[in-house]
Amino acid sequence: MSTTVSSDVTILHTHTARVVRGLAKPFSLEPLVAAVTVNELEKIYKLSIAAYLPDHLDKPILDEDMSFIAPINTDANELDARYVYLTIEPWDIGAHHSYSLWNVEVKYQLGATSPEAEAVLVLYDYEGEAPGGPETPETPRGTVTTVKRSTTED
């Protein structure tokens, strides 16, 4: 693809839940993501996003505009990625916090003529700041997953 495109995306279902709180150290400061093809013919996909956030923050909010696709460079090669943003409050990454693990489930469908992305890139969007925020040098990278071609229902 190698150019930026927009696609027609309909969010079918979302669910956000705190899985656990009071963790001393997060596994990752970047959101982690897994993607599965639910129905290839109908272009239905499911994302499972895990986010370790300080306990005092409110729950992450999914930006429901998931229409943006653009090329990203990875260690393997260039991939066309769908950008997904979680809006969160900024926090001081260097300070001591206890952390919560949040799980965000998203089921979405592409329009009939919408292009499919080769990967999904999940990034934090900090309230009141540009994505990445000045206090968080690690998180602007986000995490990338490829869309596995399977028809596993949940």
Protein backbone atom coordinates (compact mmCIF):
# COMPACT_ATOMS: atom_id res chain seq x y z
CA MET A 1 0.00 0.00 0.00
CA SER A 2 2.73 2.50 1.05
CA THR A 3 0.37 5.48 1.27
CA THR A 4 -1.94 6.69 4.01
CA VAL A 5 -5.57 5.64 3.52
CA SER A 6 -8.85 5.76 5.37
CA SER A 7 -11.24 2.86 5.69
CA ASP A 8 -14.83 2.38 6.76
CA VAL A 9 -14.81 0.75 10.23
CA THR A 10 -17.84 -0.11 12.37
CA ILE A 11 -17.28 -0.93 16.04
CA LEU A 12 -19.54 -3.90 16.86
CA HIS A 13 -18.66 -4.34 20.52
CA THR A 14 -16.23 -3.02 23.13
CA HIS A 15 -15.57 -4.03 26.69
CA THR A 16 -13.05 -2.51 29.10
CA ALA A 17 -12.27 -4.10 32.45
CA ARG A 18 -9.62 -3.83 35.14
CA VAL A 19 -8.23 -7.34 35.52
CA VAL A 20 -6.06 -6.75 38.58
CA ARG A 21 -4.70 -3.82 40.59
CA GLY A 22 -1.81 -3.25 42.97
CA LEU A 23 0.94 -4.74 40.79
CA ALA A 24 4.41 -3.63 41.87
CA LYS A 25 5.93 -3.66 38.40
CA PRO A 26 4.23 -3.65 34.98
CA PHE A 27 5.14 -6.23 32.36
CA SER A 28 5.24 -3.44 29.76
CA LEU A 29 4.66 0.31 29.67
CA GLU A 30 3.36 -0.01 26.11
CA PRO A 31 -0.09 -1.35 25.27
CA LEU A 32 0.03 -5.00 24.18
CA VAL A 33 -2.28 -6.25 21.44
CA ALA A 34 -3.48 -9.48 19.87
CA ALA A 35 -5.66 -9.60 16.77
CA VAL A 36 -7.81 -12.41 15.39
CA THR A 37 -9.93 -12.68 12.28
CA VAL A 38 -13.42 -13.64 13.47
CA ASN A 39 -15.08 -13.87 10.05
CA GLU A 40 -12.94 -13.35 6.96
CA LEU A 41 -15.85 -13.11 4.48
CA GLU A 42 -17.62 -10.44 6.54
CA LYS A 43 -14.32 -8.72 7.47
CA ILE A 44 -14.92 -8.98 11.22
CA TYR A 45 -11.92 -8.77 13.56
CA LYS A 46 -11.33 -8.90 17.29
CA LEU A 47 -8.61 -7.03 19.18
CA SER A 48 -7.56 -7.81 22.72
CA ILE A 49 -5.50 -4.98 24.19
CA ALA A 50 -3.72 -5.21 27.55
CA ALA A 51 -2.52 -2.02 29.22
CA TYR A 52 -0.56 -1.68 32.47
CA LEU A 53 -1.47 1.73 33.93
CA PRO A 54 -0.89 3.31 37.34
CA ASP A 55 -3.70 2.43 39.78
CA HIS A 56 -4.75 6.06 40.23
CA LEU A 57 -5.62 6.59 36.53
CA ASP A 58 -9.13 6.26 35.16
CA LYS A 59 -9.84 3.47 32.72
CA PRO A 60 -8.43 3.79 29.19
CA ILE A 61 -10.91 5.01 26.57
CA LEU A 62 -10.88 3.51 23.09
CA ASP A 63 -10.83 6.09 20.30
CA GLU A 64 -13.53 4.64 18.06
CA ASP A 65 -12.04 6.17 14.91
CA MET A 66 -10.02 3.18 13.74
CA SER A 67 -10.14 4.14 10.06
CA PHE A 68 -6.52 5.34 9.69
CA ILE A 69 -4.08 3.02 7.88
CA ALA A 70 -0.48 4.03 7.18
CA PRO A 71 2.84 2.31 6.54
CA ILE A 72 5.14 1.62 9.48
CA ASN A 73 8.69 0.32 9.45
CA THR A 74 9.36 -2.83 11.44
CA ASP A 75 12.52 -4.90 11.87
CA ALA A 76 11.22 -7.30 9.22
CA ASN A 77 9.87 -4.88 6.60
CA GLU A 78 7.34 -2.12 5.96
CA LEU A 79 3.75 -2.99 6.92
CA ASP A 80 0.47 -1.18 6.38
CA ALA A 81 -0.93 -0.78 9.90
CA ARG A 82 -4.31 0.20 11.28
CA TYR A 83 -3.78 2.80 14.02
CA VAL A 84 -5.75 2.29 17.24
CA TYR A 85 -5.54 4.79 20.11
CA LEU A 86 -6.31 4.43 23.80
CA THR A 87 -6.87 7.78 25.49
CA ILE A 88 -5.38 7.94 28.99
CA GLU A 89 -4.28 10.57 31.49
CA PRO A 90 -0.57 11.48 31.37
CA TRP A 91 1.55 10.30 34.29
CA ASP A 92 5.13 10.66 35.48
CA ILE A 93 6.79 7.53 34.13
CA GLY A 94 9.77 7.90 36.48
CA ALA A 95 7.74 8.04 39.70
CA HIS A 96 6.91 4.99 41.79
CA HIS A 97 3.42 3.64 41.12
CA SER A 98 1.46 0.51 41.74
CA TYR A 99 -0.14 -0.66 38.49
CA SER A 100 -3.41 -2.08 37.24
CA LEU A 101 -3.79 -4.40 34.29
CA TRP A 102 -6.62 -3.30 32.00
CA ASN A 103 -8.11 -5.41 29.22
CA VAL A 104 -9.85 -3.72 26.28
CA GLU A 105 -11.76 -6.02 23.90
CA VAL A 106 -12.84 -4.61 20.53
CA LYS A 107 -14.83 -6.35 17.83
CA TYR A 108 -15.05 -4.39 14.59
CA GLN A 109 -16.08 -4.80 10.96
CA LEU A 110 -14.65 -3.26 7.83
CA GLY A 111 -16.87 -1.90 5.08
CA ALA A 112 -17.19 -4.07 1.97
CA THR A 113 -14.71 -1.99 -0.03
CA SER A 114 -12.42 -1.01 2.86
CA PRO A 115 -8.79 -2.09 2.62
CA GLU A 116 -7.44 -4.53 5.17
CA ALA A 117 -4.32 -3.68 7.14
CA GLU A 118 -1.39 -6.06 7.48
CA ALA A 119 -0.93 -5.12 11.14
CA VAL A 120 -2.52 -3.24 14.03
CA LEU A 121 -0.57 -0.53 15.88
CA VAL A 122 -1.92 0.41 19.31
CA LEU A 123 -0.73 3.70 20.83
CA TYR A 124 -1.57 5.78 23.89
CA ASP A 125 -3.08 9.19 23.27
CA TYR A 126 -2.51 11.35 26.33
CA GLU A 127 -5.37 13.70 27.28
CA GLY A 128 -4.46 17.27 26.41
CA GLU A 129 -1.17 16.36 24.72
CA ALA A 130 0.11 15.01 21.45
CA PRO A 131 0.23 11.19 21.30
CA GLY A 132 3.17 9.99 23.35
CA GLY A 133 3.24 12.86 25.79
CA PRO A 134 6.41 14.57 27.01
CA GLU A 135 6.74 12.48 30.19
CA THR A 136 6.61 9.10 28.46
CA PRO A 137 9.52 8.50 26.10
CA GLU A 138 8.91 4.76 25.70
CA THR A 139 5.24 4.59 24.83
CA PRO A 140 5.06 6.45 21.48
CA ARG A 141 6.28 3.26 19.80
CA GLY A 142 3.14 1.39 20.77
CA THR A 143 2.92 -2.29 19.90
CA VAL A 144 2.24 -4.01 16.63
CA THR A 145 0.57 -7.29 15.85
CA THR A 146 -0.22 -8.91 12.55
CA VAL A 147 -3.74 -10.08 11.82
CA LYS A 148 -3.75 -13.86 12.04
CA ARG A 149 -5.89 -15.49 9.36
CA SER A 150 -8.14 -17.84 11.30
CA THR A 151 -11.86 -18.16 11.82
CA THR A 152 -11.84 -18.70 15.56
CA GLU A 153 -15.03 -17.45 17.20
CA ASP A 154 -14.92 -16.20 20.79
